[in-house]
Amino acid sequence: MKTKQELKQYFENGDIPVQEEFWEWQNSYWHKDEKIPSEKLEYDFSKKADLVSGKVPASQLPSYVDDVLEFPSLSNLPQQGESGKIYITADTNKLYRWTGTRYIDITQGDVGSLQTVTDRGNETTKNIKVQGISYGGSSQLDNIIIGEETDDLSSQANYTISIGNKSKTLGNDNVAIGHRSGNTDFSTLGNTIIGNFSMEDGFGSNENTVVGYSSFNNGKGSQGNTILGAYAGNSGGGDNSQNIILGYRGGTALGTGSANNVIIGGDSNFNNFPIKNKLYIQNFNGGRSASISNALISGDFIDKYVNINGKFSVTPGKIPSADSSYTKNIVANPDGTFGWEDKTDSIPLSGTVDGRPLTGSIQYKGSDTTGYNSFGFYSKLPNNEKSGFDIQDDGTLTPLMYWMGGDNVVSTLSVYHSDVTIGSSNPAFSGLRGTSYYGDYYVDESYIQKQYADKQHSYTTKEEKTGGTWINGKPVYKKTVVFTQIPRTGLVEFKTEFPDLDTIISNEMFTEWYAIDAAFAGNQWRTKAYITIERKLAIIELMGDPDYDYSAINSFTLTLEYTKK
């Protein structure tokens, strides 16, 4: 017999096989009509099972099955079974095994009771009753059904959990827990219902969350409501949407089409009156019908208002004390609405606002008693002695004098406020003026006159004290120098002009530089020229021209305030 590789050589490309080669190829295989002799098969037939009357003897069965025994019925099985044996009941053709304590049904394809399913560790899609309560009963998608009269969901619900007698939550993705809960019709989606008798009539309702005994029992056609509380949202007309109702018997008898309301509080019956976009907070009306106007707190989400039907108070010490950063007052209209206004003092120092003039006399309270006149204000001291100020007919403010020890003493004007504003409608008004120059008698607390200020802020090339001191207590000096000859390098030394300079406190500069068409104050000009002040010299730089001849500068004036060594 030639090998397979040798036979292949007869049929290479270009070869012409002959009859003998074809026959030799055919004879090398078994034809299907031929019987293969057992001696030609490589198999150990000593391991095969024998048949006796068409059956495998018990001795050749696996070790865990010793025998198959047949009995007329389950009641005829031995009271004490044996492990490793299979028992057949002739009346039912069922198979049983002994667990050591009892017989279990192992019939293939049979579901049986809850006990059978539990013993076998299998699952069932059929209805199982335990103590009169139905479990299962739905062949649709992923439904969990527990309770009597629930097995009719098989063709009407998907992905639904229904727990409770007569809880018939039809539709998809619903959860109903409680006796007669969610007893809805078709076309429902995404409802979560918890509580006996809750949402019994929910035809066409979607995405509602209902929790409470007998709550929202007429929710047909309603969408997106959140209901919490026994009897809450009951007996309404349906077709309600996106309401939030919290409380025992809260929001009952809402009219058909009520939407977008927030109702908080128990015992609120709306007598089938439809409301929309309202806020209602009121607990127990004592049998009265509910209305938005009688709520403790009510509001409207469209008109953007909140109403408090009662006293409003804030516990003292629980809100911060107001300071100058608080610039608004809260004021009220006679109808109770609130608004903002700018905060002002009782006598505004900056004048009154349009439409709010001061009327009547202004009274000033002195240390003892208070008096007033038609022109201004003053106080009466004992024995009719006067103090304060009087406003004359021409608007002059005149100090009132009182008698003390035979001398005339002028009263002191004191202002207890953050500022004082003085103004005039006269274009020639020049402010407060004195009839004389008082600068020679000024003290630290004095207000100065312009002449005094001009004298203090004059410039001189002589060193002089400013009258002030630096933080280290040293006196502050001031001096102005003018340089008309500037070195080519732009380095202007002033150690000769300020020989004892210690700390530069401030500087002022003015430069006349007509070569670049500039005359400027300060330390820079249009980001093209910069002046830097150091302890002994000033450095002048023109950007972009490192070889510039700074002697072209006409003059450089420097004023320093400084302390000395």
Protein backbone atom coordinates (compact mmCIF):
# COMPACT_ATOMS: atom_id res chain seq x y z
CA MET A 1 0.00 0.00 0.00
CA LYS A 2 1.45 3.27 -1.08
CA THR A 3 1.49 6.25 1.27
CA LYS A 4 -0.61 9.39 0.78
CA GLN A 5 2.46 11.36 -0.33
CA GLU A 6 3.25 8.71 -2.98
CA LEU A 7 -0.32 8.78 -4.29
CA LYS A 8 -0.17 12.57 -4.64
CA GLN A 9 2.74 12.26 -7.08
CA TYR A 10 0.41 10.55 -9.61
CA PHE A 11 -1.64 13.70 -9.87
CA GLU A 12 0.90 16.51 -10.11
CA ASN A 13 0.39 19.26 -12.69
CA GLY A 14 1.26 17.98 -16.17
CA ASP A 15 0.95 14.27 -15.23
CA ILE A 16 -1.38 11.83 -17.08
CA PRO A 17 -2.42 9.14 -14.55
CA VAL A 18 -3.15 5.63 -15.85
CA GLN A 19 -5.82 3.12 -14.83
CA GLU A 20 -3.65 1.30 -12.33
CA GLU A 21 -2.76 4.52 -10.54
CA PHE A 22 -6.44 5.52 -10.25
CA TRP A 23 -7.31 2.10 -8.87
CA GLU A 24 -4.48 2.20 -6.38
CA TRP A 25 -5.74 5.60 -5.17
CA GLN A 26 -9.35 4.30 -4.80
CA ASN A 27 -8.28 1.15 -2.94
CA SER A 28 -6.46 3.17 -0.30
CA TYR A 29 -9.85 4.37 1.27
CA TRP A 30 -12.94 2.58 2.76
CA HIS A 31 -16.12 2.94 0.69
CA LYS A 32 -19.27 3.88 2.64
CA ASP A 33 -20.95 0.63 1.54
CA GLU A 34 -18.13 -1.41 3.06
CA LYS A 35 -18.17 -2.65 6.67
CA ILE A 36 -15.04 -1.89 8.59
CA PRO A 37 -13.74 -4.89 10.49
CA SER A 38 -13.46 -4.30 14.25
CA GLU A 39 -9.84 -5.36 14.22
CA LYS A 40 -9.16 -2.42 11.89
CA LEU A 41 -10.53 0.10 14.47
CA GLU A 42 -8.27 1.47 17.21
CA TYR A 43 -10.90 1.51 20.07
CA ASP A 44 -11.07 -0.24 23.44
CA PHE A 45 -14.49 -1.96 23.27
CA SER A 46 -14.00 -3.37 26.73
CA LYS A 47 -15.16 0.01 28.13
CA LYS A 48 -18.53 0.12 26.35
CA ALA A 49 -21.82 -0.53 28.18
CA ASP A 50 -23.82 -3.63 27.35
CA LEU A 51 -27.56 -3.64 26.71
CA VAL A 52 -29.83 -6.12 28.42
CA SER A 53 -33.33 -6.12 26.91
CA GLY A 54 -32.53 -2.67 25.51
CA LYS A 55 -31.45 -1.27 28.88
CA VAL A 56 -28.09 -0.56 30.49
CA PRO A 57 -27.56 -2.83 33.52
CA ALA A 58 -27.35 -1.00 36.87
CA SER A 59 -23.84 -2.36 37.34
CA GLN A 60 -22.70 -0.37 34.31
CA LEU A 61 -24.40 2.90 35.32
CA PRO A 62 -22.30 5.73 36.87
CA SER A 63 -21.42 5.33 40.53
CA TYR A 64 -24.03 7.91 41.67
CA VAL A 65 -26.91 5.98 39.99
CA ASP A 66 -27.26 2.49 41.30
CA ASP A 67 -30.79 1.76 40.09
CA VAL A 68 -34.03 3.09 38.60
CA LEU A 69 -37.08 1.95 40.55
CA GLU A 70 -40.69 2.27 39.46
CA PHE A 71 -43.74 2.64 41.77
CA PRO A 72 -47.47 3.14 41.08
CA SER A 73 -47.62 6.63 42.64
CA LEU A 74 -45.77 9.10 44.86
CA SER A 75 -47.55 7.75 47.95
CA ASN A 76 -46.18 4.27 47.21
CA LEU A 77 -42.55 5.38 47.40
CA PRO A 78 -40.63 3.99 50.39
CA GLN A 79 -40.92 6.15 53.47
CA GLN A 80 -37.14 6.09 53.69
CA GLY A 81 -35.55 6.44 50.28
CA GLU A 82 -32.00 5.63 49.19
CA SER A 83 -29.48 8.02 47.72
CA GLY A 84 -28.16 7.15 44.30
CA LYS A 85 -31.48 5.74 43.09
CA ILE A 86 -34.06 7.22 40.73
CA TYR A 87 -37.75 6.65 41.52
CA ILE A 88 -40.43 6.71 38.80
CA THR A 89 -44.16 7.13 39.56
CA ALA A 90 -46.21 5.31 36.94
CA ASP A 91 -49.32 7.45 37.34
CA THR A 92 -47.49 10.71 36.50
CA ASN A 93 -44.29 9.49 34.81
CA LYS A 94 -42.31 11.83 37.06
CA LEU A 95 -38.78 11.22 38.32
CA TYR A 96 -37.76 11.64 41.97
CA ARG A 97 -34.56 11.48 43.99
CA TRP A 98 -34.11 11.07 47.74
CA THR A 99 -32.28 14.03 49.34
CA GLY A 100 -31.78 12.30 52.67
CA THR A 101 -34.90 13.83 54.21
CA ARG A 102 -37.50 13.84 51.41
CA TYR A 103 -38.18 13.16 47.70
CA ILE A 104 -37.66 15.92 45.11
CA ASP A 105 -39.05 16.09 41.59
CA ILE A 106 -36.30 16.05 38.96
CA THR A 107 -38.56 15.60 35.94
CA GLN A 108 -36.97 17.47 33.01
CA GLY A 109 -38.98 20.52 31.85
CA ASP A 110 -41.46 20.50 34.71
CA VAL A 111 -41.78 23.64 36.86
CA GLY A 112 -43.79 22.42 39.83
CA SER A 113 -44.29 24.29 43.06
CA LEU A 114 -42.22 27.03 44.70
CA GLN A 115 -40.71 24.29 46.87
CA THR A 116 -39.71 22.32 43.79
CA VAL A 117 -38.11 25.36 42.19
CA THR A 118 -36.30 26.18 45.44
CA ASP A 119 -35.01 22.62 45.85
CA ARG A 120 -33.80 22.46 42.26
CA GLY A 121 -32.28 25.99 42.21
CA ASN A 122 -34.00 26.69 38.91
CA GLU A 123 -36.29 29.52 37.77
CA THR A 124 -39.83 29.73 36.48
CA THR A 125 -41.83 31.96 34.17
CA LYS A 126 -45.12 30.48 35.36
CA ASN A 127 -47.41 31.65 38.13
CA ILE A 128 -46.72 30.11 41.55
CA LYS A 129 -49.09 30.47 44.49
CA VAL A 130 -47.78 30.44 48.04
CA GLN A 131 -50.41 30.58 50.79
CA GLY A 132 -52.91 32.01 48.33
CA ILE A 133 -50.61 34.75 46.96
CA SER A 134 -49.57 34.62 43.31
CA TYR A 135 -45.91 35.06 42.41
CA GLY A 136 -44.91 35.60 38.81
CA GLY A 137 -47.49 35.30 36.09
CA SER A 138 -45.96 37.48 33.37
CA SER A 139 -44.35 36.34 30.16
CA GLN A 140 -43.41 39.85 29.05
CA LEU A 141 -40.03 41.55 29.48
CA ASP A 142 -38.48 41.50 32.96
CA ASN A 143 -41.67 41.97 34.99
CA ILE A 144 -41.76 41.16 38.70
CA ILE A 145 -45.34 40.45 39.75
CA ILE A 146 -46.35 39.49 43.32
CA GLY A 147 -49.99 39.43 44.45
CA GLU A 148 -53.46 38.22 43.54
CA GLU A 149 -55.11 39.44 40.36
CA THR A 150 -51.85 40.56 38.89
CA ASP A 151 -51.18 37.81 36.37
CA ASP A 152 -53.20 39.59 33.66
CA LEU A 153 -50.19 41.89 33.04
CA SER A 154 -48.61 39.30 30.76
CA SER A 155 -49.47 41.10 27.54
CA GLN A 156 -49.76 44.66 28.82
CA ALA A 157 -46.61 45.51 30.77
CA ASN A 158 -42.85 45.52 30.30
CA TYR A 159 -40.09 46.17 32.84
CA THR A 160 -42.71 46.60 35.57
CA ILE A 161 -42.57 45.78 39.28
CA SER A 162 -46.01 45.18 40.80
CA ILE A 163 -46.28 44.03 44.43
CA GLY A 164 -49.67 43.84 46.13
CA ASN A 165 -53.09 42.32 45.60
CA LYS A 166 -54.89 43.87 42.64
CA SER A 167 -52.01 46.17 41.85
CA LYS A 168 -52.34 46.24 38.10
CA THR A 169 -49.73 48.66 36.90
CA LEU A 170 -50.02 48.37 33.14
CA GLY A 171 -47.60 50.00 30.75
CA ASN A 172 -43.82 50.14 30.89
CA ASP A 173 -41.16 50.89 33.51
CA ASN A 174 -43.66 51.30 36.36
CA VAL A 175 -43.19 50.39 40.03
CA ALA A 176 -46.28 49.82 42.22
CA ILE A 177 -46.14 48.59 45.81
CA GLY A 178 -49.35 48.26 47.81
CA HIS A 179 -52.86 46.80 47.72
CA ARG A 180 -54.67 48.18 44.66
CA SER A 181 -51.77 50.53 44.07
CA GLY A 182 -51.22 51.80 40.54
CA ASN A 183 -54.39 50.13 39.32
CA THR A 184 -53.89 51.85 35.98
CA ASP A 185 -54.89 51.14 32.43
CA PHE A 186 -52.73 51.08 29.32
CA SER A 187 -50.40 53.84 28.10
CA THR A 188 -48.47 54.51 31.30
CA LEU A 189 -44.73 54.99 31.67
CA GLY A 190 -42.21 55.51 34.44
CA ASN A 191 -44.55 55.86 37.44
CA THR A 192 -43.36 55.04 40.98
CA ILE A 193 -46.32 54.32 43.29
CA ILE A 194 -46.04 53.26 46.95
CA GLY A 195 -49.04 52.87 49.24
CA ASN A 196 -52.32 50.95 49.46
CA PHE A 197 -55.02 52.36 47.16
CA SER A 198 -52.58 54.94 45.79
CA MET A 199 -53.11 56.19 42.23
CA GLU A 200 -55.92 53.74 41.49
CA ASP A 201 -56.99 55.54 38.34
CA GLY A 202 -53.88 56.41 36.35
CA PHE A 203 -54.83 55.89 32.72
CA GLY A 204 -52.35 57.68 30.44
CA SER A 205 -50.20 58.90 33.35
CA ASN A 206 -46.42 59.15 33.06
CA GLU A 207 -43.40 59.76 35.29
CA ASN A 208 -45.32 60.45 38.51
CA THR A 209 -43.90 59.73 41.96
CA VAL A 210 -46.67 58.93 44.47
CA VAL A 211 -46.07 57.89 48.10
CA GLY A 212 -48.84 57.58 50.68
CA TYR A 213 -52.00 55.73 51.62
CA SER A 214 -54.78 56.39 49.09
CA SER A 215 -52.82 59.27 47.58
CA PHE A 216 -53.43 60.71 44.08
CA ASN A 217 -56.25 58.25 43.46
CA ASN A 218 -57.38 60.11 40.35
CA GLY A 219 -54.16 60.73 38.46
CA LYS A 220 -55.34 59.87 34.99
CA GLY A 221 -53.58 61.75 32.22
CA SER A 222 -51.18 63.36 34.72
CA GLN A 223 -47.49 63.91 34.06
CA GLY A 224 -44.41 64.47 36.23
CA ASN A 225 -46.11 65.03 39.61
CA THR A 226 -44.46 64.41 42.99
CA ILE A 227 -47.03 63.51 45.67
CA LEU A 228 -46.18 62.63 49.29
CA GLY A 229 -48.71 62.06 52.08
CA ALA A 230 -51.81 60.01 52.85
CA TYR A 231 -54.73 61.15 50.67
CA ALA A 232 -52.47 63.83 49.16
CA GLY A 233 -53.54 65.03 45.71
CA ASN A 234 -56.78 62.99 45.89
CA SER A 235 -59.95 63.33 43.88
CA GLY A 236 -58.60 65.89 41.47
CA GLY A 237 -59.88 66.22 37.96
CA GLY A 238 -56.82 64.61 36.39
CA ASP A 239 -54.61 65.93 33.60
CA ASN A 240 -52.40 67.62 36.20
CA SER A 241 -48.69 68.06 35.56
CA GLN A 242 -45.49 68.91 37.37
CA ASN A 243 -47.07 69.63 40.74
CA ILE A 244 -45.23 69.08 44.02
CA ILE A 245 -47.62 68.23 46.89
CA LEU A 246 -46.45 67.42 50.43
CA GLY A 247 -48.69 66.76 53.44
CA TYR A 248 -51.55 64.69 54.84
CA ARG A 249 -54.62 65.43 52.71
CA GLY A 250 -52.56 68.14 51.03
CA GLY A 251 -53.60 69.52 47.64
CA THR A 252 -56.81 67.50 47.39
CA ALA A 253 -59.44 68.23 44.73
CA LEU A 254 -57.16 70.21 42.44
CA GLY A 255 -59.06 71.29 39.36
CA THR A 256 -58.43 69.67 36.00
CA GLY A 257 -55.25 70.95 34.36
CA SER A 258 -53.55 72.29 37.48
CA ALA A 259 -49.82 72.56 36.76
CA ASN A 260 -46.46 73.71 38.08
CA ASN A 261 -47.65 74.29 41.65
CA VAL A 262 -45.83 73.71 44.95
CA ILE A 263 -48.31 72.87 47.73
CA ILE A 264 -46.94 72.23 51.22
CA GLY A 265 -49.15 71.51 54.23
CA GLY A 266 -51.99 69.27 55.26
CA ASP A 267 -55.75 69.58 54.96
CA SER A 268 -55.81 71.79 51.86
CA ASN A 269 -58.87 71.18 49.67
CA PHE A 270 -59.09 73.31 46.52
CA ASN A 271 -62.72 72.41 45.61
CA ASN A 272 -61.80 71.35 42.07
CA PHE A 273 -60.52 74.83 41.25
CA PRO A 274 -57.59 74.72 38.77
CA ILE A 275 -54.46 76.65 39.72
CA LYS A 276 -51.15 77.09 37.92
CA ASN A 277 -47.65 78.26 38.82
CA LYS A 278 -48.56 78.94 42.46
CA LEU A 279 -46.77 78.51 45.80
CA TYR A 280 -49.00 77.51 48.73
CA ILE A 281 -47.72 76.88 52.28
CA GLN A 282 -50.44 76.46 54.90
CA ASN A 283 -51.04 73.67 57.42
CA PHE A 284 -54.59 72.59 58.38
CA ASN A 285 -57.35 75.05 57.53
CA GLY A 286 -59.81 73.80 60.16
CA GLY A 287 -62.26 72.52 57.55
CA ARG A 288 -62.10 75.65 55.37
CA SER A 289 -61.51 75.46 51.65
CA ALA A 290 -57.98 76.18 50.53
CA SER A 291 -57.18 79.26 48.49
CA ILE A 292 -53.92 80.91 47.57
CA SER A 293 -54.91 84.11 49.37
CA ASN A 294 -55.41 82.47 52.78
CA ALA A 295 -52.07 80.65 52.80
CA LEU A 296 -49.48 81.67 55.38
CA ILE A 297 -46.97 81.94 52.51
CA SER A 298 -48.06 82.15 48.89
CA GLY A 299 -46.48 83.16 45.63
CA ASP A 300 -46.48 83.00 41.85
CA PHE A 301 -43.62 81.53 39.80
CA ILE A 302 -44.52 83.55 36.69
CA ASP A 303 -45.21 86.96 38.26
CA LYS A 304 -42.25 86.35 40.62
CA TYR A 305 -43.74 87.31 43.97
CA VAL A 306 -43.97 85.86 47.48
CA ASN A 307 -46.61 86.98 49.98
CA ILE A 308 -46.50 86.47 53.76
CA ASN A 309 -49.98 86.47 55.26
CA GLY A 310 -49.05 87.31 58.85
CA LYS A 311 -46.42 88.93 61.00
CA PHE A 312 -42.83 88.87 59.84
CA SER A 313 -40.01 89.14 62.36
CA VAL A 314 -36.34 88.30 62.68
CA THR A 315 -34.79 87.14 65.92
CA PRO A 316 -32.55 89.94 67.27
CA GLY A 317 -28.88 89.18 66.96
CA LYS A 318 -29.41 86.71 64.09
CA ILE A 319 -28.74 89.25 61.34
CA PRO A 320 -25.59 91.40 61.05
CA SER A 321 -25.54 94.99 62.21
CA ALA A 322 -25.66 97.50 59.36
CA ASP A 323 -22.65 99.67 58.63
CA SER A 324 -21.76 102.22 55.95
CA SER A 325 -21.72 99.47 53.30
CA TYR A 326 -25.51 99.16 53.64
CA THR A 327 -26.86 101.77 51.25
CA LYS A 328 -30.51 100.72 50.79
CA ASN A 329 -33.66 100.86 52.93
CA ILE A 330 -36.66 98.54 52.62
CA VAL A 331 -39.95 100.46 52.45
CA ALA A 332 -43.55 99.31 52.05
CA ASN A 333 -46.62 100.46 50.14
CA PRO A 334 -50.02 100.51 51.88
CA ASP A 335 -50.90 97.27 50.03
CA GLY A 336 -48.00 95.51 51.76
CA THR A 337 -45.58 95.27 48.83
CA PHE A 338 -41.95 96.07 49.58
CA GLY A 339 -39.38 98.02 47.62
CA TRP A 340 -35.88 99.52 47.83
CA GLU A 341 -34.87 103.13 48.32
CA ASP A 342 -31.50 104.80 48.79
CA LYS A 343 -30.60 105.13 52.44
CA THR A 344 -30.42 108.74 53.70
CA ASP A 345 -30.09 110.38 57.08
CA SER A 346 -33.06 112.17 58.54
CA ILE A 347 -31.43 115.45 57.39
CA PRO A 348 -29.37 114.54 54.29
CA LEU A 349 -26.12 116.50 54.28
CA SER A 350 -25.96 116.39 50.51
CA GLY A 351 -29.43 117.81 50.09
CA THR A 352 -32.82 116.29 49.52
CA VAL A 353 -33.85 114.20 46.52
CA ASP A 354 -36.48 115.18 43.95
CA GLY A 355 -39.99 114.89 45.30
CA ARG A 356 -38.87 114.57 48.91
CA PRO A 357 -38.21 118.08 50.27
CA LEU A 358 -37.79 118.90 53.92
CA THR A 359 -40.85 120.67 55.30
CA GLY A 360 -41.54 122.48 58.56
CA SER A 361 -38.95 123.62 61.08
CA ILE A 362 -35.76 121.83 61.99
CA GLN A 363 -35.44 121.28 65.72
CA TYR A 364 -32.16 120.91 67.53
CA LYS A 365 -32.16 119.11 70.86
CA GLY A 366 -29.87 120.69 73.41
CA SER A 367 -28.69 119.26 76.68
CA ASP A 368 -31.85 120.17 78.59
CA THR A 369 -34.94 121.29 76.65
CA THR A 370 -35.70 121.80 72.99
CA GLY A 371 -37.02 124.85 71.20
CA TYR A 372 -37.31 126.02 67.60
CA ASN A 373 -38.17 129.04 65.51
CA SER A 374 -39.34 129.51 61.95
CA PHE A 375 -35.86 130.38 60.63
CA GLY A 376 -33.72 127.63 62.02
CA PHE A 377 -33.02 125.77 65.20
CA TYR A 378 -31.65 126.41 68.63
CA SER A 379 -32.02 125.01 72.11
CA LYS A 380 -33.06 126.87 75.25
CA LEU A 381 -30.89 126.44 78.27
CA PRO A 382 -32.07 127.28 81.81
CA ASN A 383 -32.92 130.96 82.43
CA ASN A 384 -33.67 131.42 78.70
CA GLU A 385 -30.00 131.37 77.83
CA LYS A 386 -29.43 130.38 74.21
CA SER A 387 -26.90 128.21 72.43
CA GLY A 388 -26.68 126.83 68.93
CA PHE A 389 -27.19 128.71 65.65
CA ASP A 390 -29.95 130.72 64.01
CA ILE A 391 -30.68 130.95 60.26
CA GLN A 392 -31.56 134.52 59.33
CA ASP A 393 -33.98 135.59 56.61
CA ASP A 394 -31.09 136.17 54.20
CA GLY A 395 -29.72 132.68 54.87
CA THR A 396 -26.91 133.81 57.17
CA LEU A 397 -25.92 131.28 59.82
CA THR A 398 -25.45 133.28 63.03
CA PRO A 399 -24.10 131.82 66.29
CA LEU A 400 -26.42 132.49 69.20
CA MET A 401 -24.67 133.65 72.35
CA TYR A 402 -25.47 132.96 75.94
CA TRP A 403 -24.33 134.85 79.07
CA MET A 404 -21.64 133.21 81.20
CA GLY A 405 -19.76 135.08 83.92
CA GLY A 406 -20.35 138.42 82.24
CA ASP A 407 -18.47 137.46 79.08
CA ASN A 408 -19.92 136.88 75.66
CA VAL A 409 -18.93 133.36 74.60
CA VAL A 410 -19.57 132.19 71.02
CA SER A 411 -21.02 128.68 70.73
CA THR A 412 -19.02 125.92 69.04
CA LEU A 413 -20.34 124.36 65.84
CA SER A 414 -19.99 120.56 66.10
CA VAL A 415 -20.92 118.18 63.27
CA TYR A 416 -21.30 114.51 64.10
CA HIS A 417 -21.35 113.02 60.61
CA SER A 418 -18.99 111.44 58.13
CA ASP A 419 -18.77 114.55 55.98
CA VAL A 420 -20.14 118.10 55.48
CA THR A 421 -21.08 119.46 52.06
CA ILE A 422 -21.20 123.20 51.41
CA GLY A 423 -22.59 124.51 48.16
CA SER A 424 -24.13 127.54 46.51
CA SER A 425 -26.15 128.28 43.38
CA ASN A 426 -24.19 131.54 42.98
CA PRO A 427 -21.58 131.10 40.21
CA ALA A 428 -19.27 133.49 42.10
CA PHE A 429 -19.35 131.39 45.25
CA SER A 430 -15.80 130.86 46.51
CA GLY A 431 -16.40 128.62 49.50
CA LEU A 432 -15.81 129.47 53.15
CA ARG A 433 -13.82 132.68 53.64
CA GLY A 434 -12.36 134.49 56.59
CA THR A 435 -12.20 138.25 56.94
CA SER A 436 -8.52 138.03 58.02
CA TYR A 437 -5.52 135.75 57.61
CA TYR A 438 -5.36 133.34 60.54
CA GLY A 439 -2.44 131.19 59.47
CA ASP A 440 -0.10 132.58 62.10
CA TYR A 441 -2.33 131.12 64.80
CA TYR A 442 -3.12 127.71 63.32
CA VAL A 443 -2.80 124.63 65.50
CA ASP A 444 -2.71 120.97 64.48
CA GLU A 445 -6.53 120.68 64.36
CA SER A 446 -7.08 123.87 62.31
CA TYR A 447 -8.56 124.04 58.81
CA ILE A 448 -6.20 126.08 56.60
CA GLN A 449 -6.81 128.99 54.25
CA LYS A 450 -5.56 129.10 50.66
CA GLN A 451 -2.90 131.67 51.48
CA TYR A 452 -1.46 129.32 54.08
CA ALA A 453 -1.55 126.39 51.67
CA ASP A 454 0.19 128.40 48.94
CA LYS A 455 2.91 129.32 51.37
CA GLN A 456 3.40 125.73 52.52
CA HIS A 457 3.63 124.40 48.95
CA SER A 458 5.93 127.00 47.45
CA TYR A 459 9.26 125.92 45.97
CA THR A 460 12.68 127.34 46.79
CA THR A 461 16.27 126.45 46.03
CA LYS A 462 17.00 126.87 49.73
CA GLU A 463 16.70 123.90 52.03
CA GLU A 464 13.75 124.23 54.42
CA LYS A 465 11.82 122.03 56.82
CA THR A 466 8.36 120.99 55.69
CA GLY A 467 7.09 120.71 59.24
CA GLY A 468 6.54 116.98 58.90
CA THR A 469 8.52 113.98 60.13
CA TRP A 470 9.40 110.63 58.57
CA ILE A 471 8.34 107.29 60.10
CA ASN A 472 11.60 107.11 62.02
CA GLY A 473 10.91 110.52 63.63
CA LYS A 474 13.44 112.46 61.58
CA PRO A 475 12.34 115.89 60.26
CA VAL A 476 11.52 116.13 56.54
CA TYR A 477 13.37 118.71 54.38
CA LYS A 478 12.54 120.05 50.95
CA LYS A 479 14.70 121.66 48.25
CA THR A 480 14.51 122.39 44.52
CA VAL A 481 17.57 122.48 42.21
CA VAL A 482 17.81 123.37 38.50
CA PHE A 483 20.44 121.87 36.16
CA THR A 484 21.02 123.73 32.90
CA GLN A 485 24.19 121.85 31.88
CA ILE A 486 23.54 118.12 31.42
CA PRO A 487 26.51 115.73 30.88
CA ARG A 488 26.71 113.83 27.59
CA THR A 489 26.17 110.58 29.49
CA GLY A 490 22.85 111.70 30.97
CA LEU A 491 24.09 111.05 34.53
CA VAL A 492 23.21 114.11 36.63
CA GLU A 493 24.95 114.01 40.01
CA PHE A 494 23.45 116.03 42.88
CA LYS A 495 25.57 114.96 45.84
CA THR A 496 26.87 118.52 46.07
CA GLU A 497 23.36 120.00 46.22
CA PHE A 498 22.19 117.39 48.79
CA PRO A 499 25.35 116.57 50.76
CA ASP A 500 23.72 115.03 53.85
CA LEU A 501 20.84 113.22 52.11
CA ASP A 502 19.73 110.09 53.94
CA THR A 503 16.32 108.93 52.64
CA ILE A 504 14.48 110.28 49.57
CA ILE A 505 10.80 110.49 50.54
CA SER A 506 9.38 112.00 47.36
CA ASN A 507 10.58 113.62 44.15
CA GLU A 508 9.16 115.88 41.47
CA MET A 509 10.84 116.53 38.10
CA PHE A 510 10.41 118.82 35.14
CA THR A 511 12.51 118.49 31.99
CA GLU A 512 12.84 120.86 29.03
CA TRP A 513 14.15 118.82 26.10
CA TYR A 514 13.42 120.74 22.92
CA ALA A 515 15.76 118.60 20.81
CA ILE A 516 13.06 115.91 20.90
CA ASP A 517 10.25 118.49 21.01
CA ALA A 518 9.35 117.67 24.61
CA ALA A 519 8.86 119.44 27.94
CA PHE A 520 7.41 117.08 30.52
CA ALA A 521 6.93 116.53 34.25
CA GLY A 522 7.56 113.17 35.85
CA ASN A 523 9.98 110.36 35.22
CA GLN A 524 9.01 109.35 31.66
CA TRP A 525 7.86 110.76 28.30
CA ARG A 526 5.68 108.70 25.96
CA THR A 527 7.61 105.52 26.86
CA LYS A 528 10.55 106.94 24.90
CA ALA A 529 12.49 108.74 27.62
CA TYR A 530 12.92 107.67 31.27
CA ILE A 531 14.49 109.33 34.34
CA THR A 532 15.60 107.25 37.32
CA ILE A 533 16.41 108.84 40.71
CA GLU A 534 19.01 107.23 42.95
CA ARG A 535 20.54 108.47 46.19
CA LYS A 536 23.28 110.61 44.56
CA LEU A 537 22.32 111.01 40.92
CA ALA A 538 19.57 111.07 38.29
CA ILE A 539 19.90 108.86 35.19
CA ILE A 540 18.29 110.07 31.94
CA GLU A 541 17.77 107.52 29.12
CA LEU A 542 16.39 107.83 25.59
CA MET A 543 15.15 104.41 24.45
CA GLY A 544 16.69 102.95 21.30
CA ASP A 545 19.65 105.40 21.17
CA PRO A 546 22.51 104.20 23.42
CA ASP A 547 24.94 106.86 22.06
CA TYR A 548 22.65 109.86 22.48
CA ASP A 549 24.27 113.16 23.56
CA TYR A 550 22.22 114.27 26.58
CA SER A 551 23.87 117.68 26.69
CA ALA A 552 21.10 118.65 24.21
CA ILE A 553 18.68 118.79 27.17
CA ASN A 554 17.86 122.44 27.94
CA SER A 555 17.19 122.05 31.70
CA PHE A 556 16.33 119.50 34.36
CA THR A 557 14.52 120.62 37.56
CA LEU A 558 14.47 118.30 40.59
CA THR A 559 12.52 118.80 43.85
CA LEU A 560 13.21 116.36 46.68
CA GLU A 561 11.66 115.77 50.08
CA TYR A 562 14.17 113.92 52.22
CA THR A 563 15.68 113.25 55.59
CA LYS A 564 19.28 114.00 56.49
CA LYS A 565 21.99 111.91 58.05
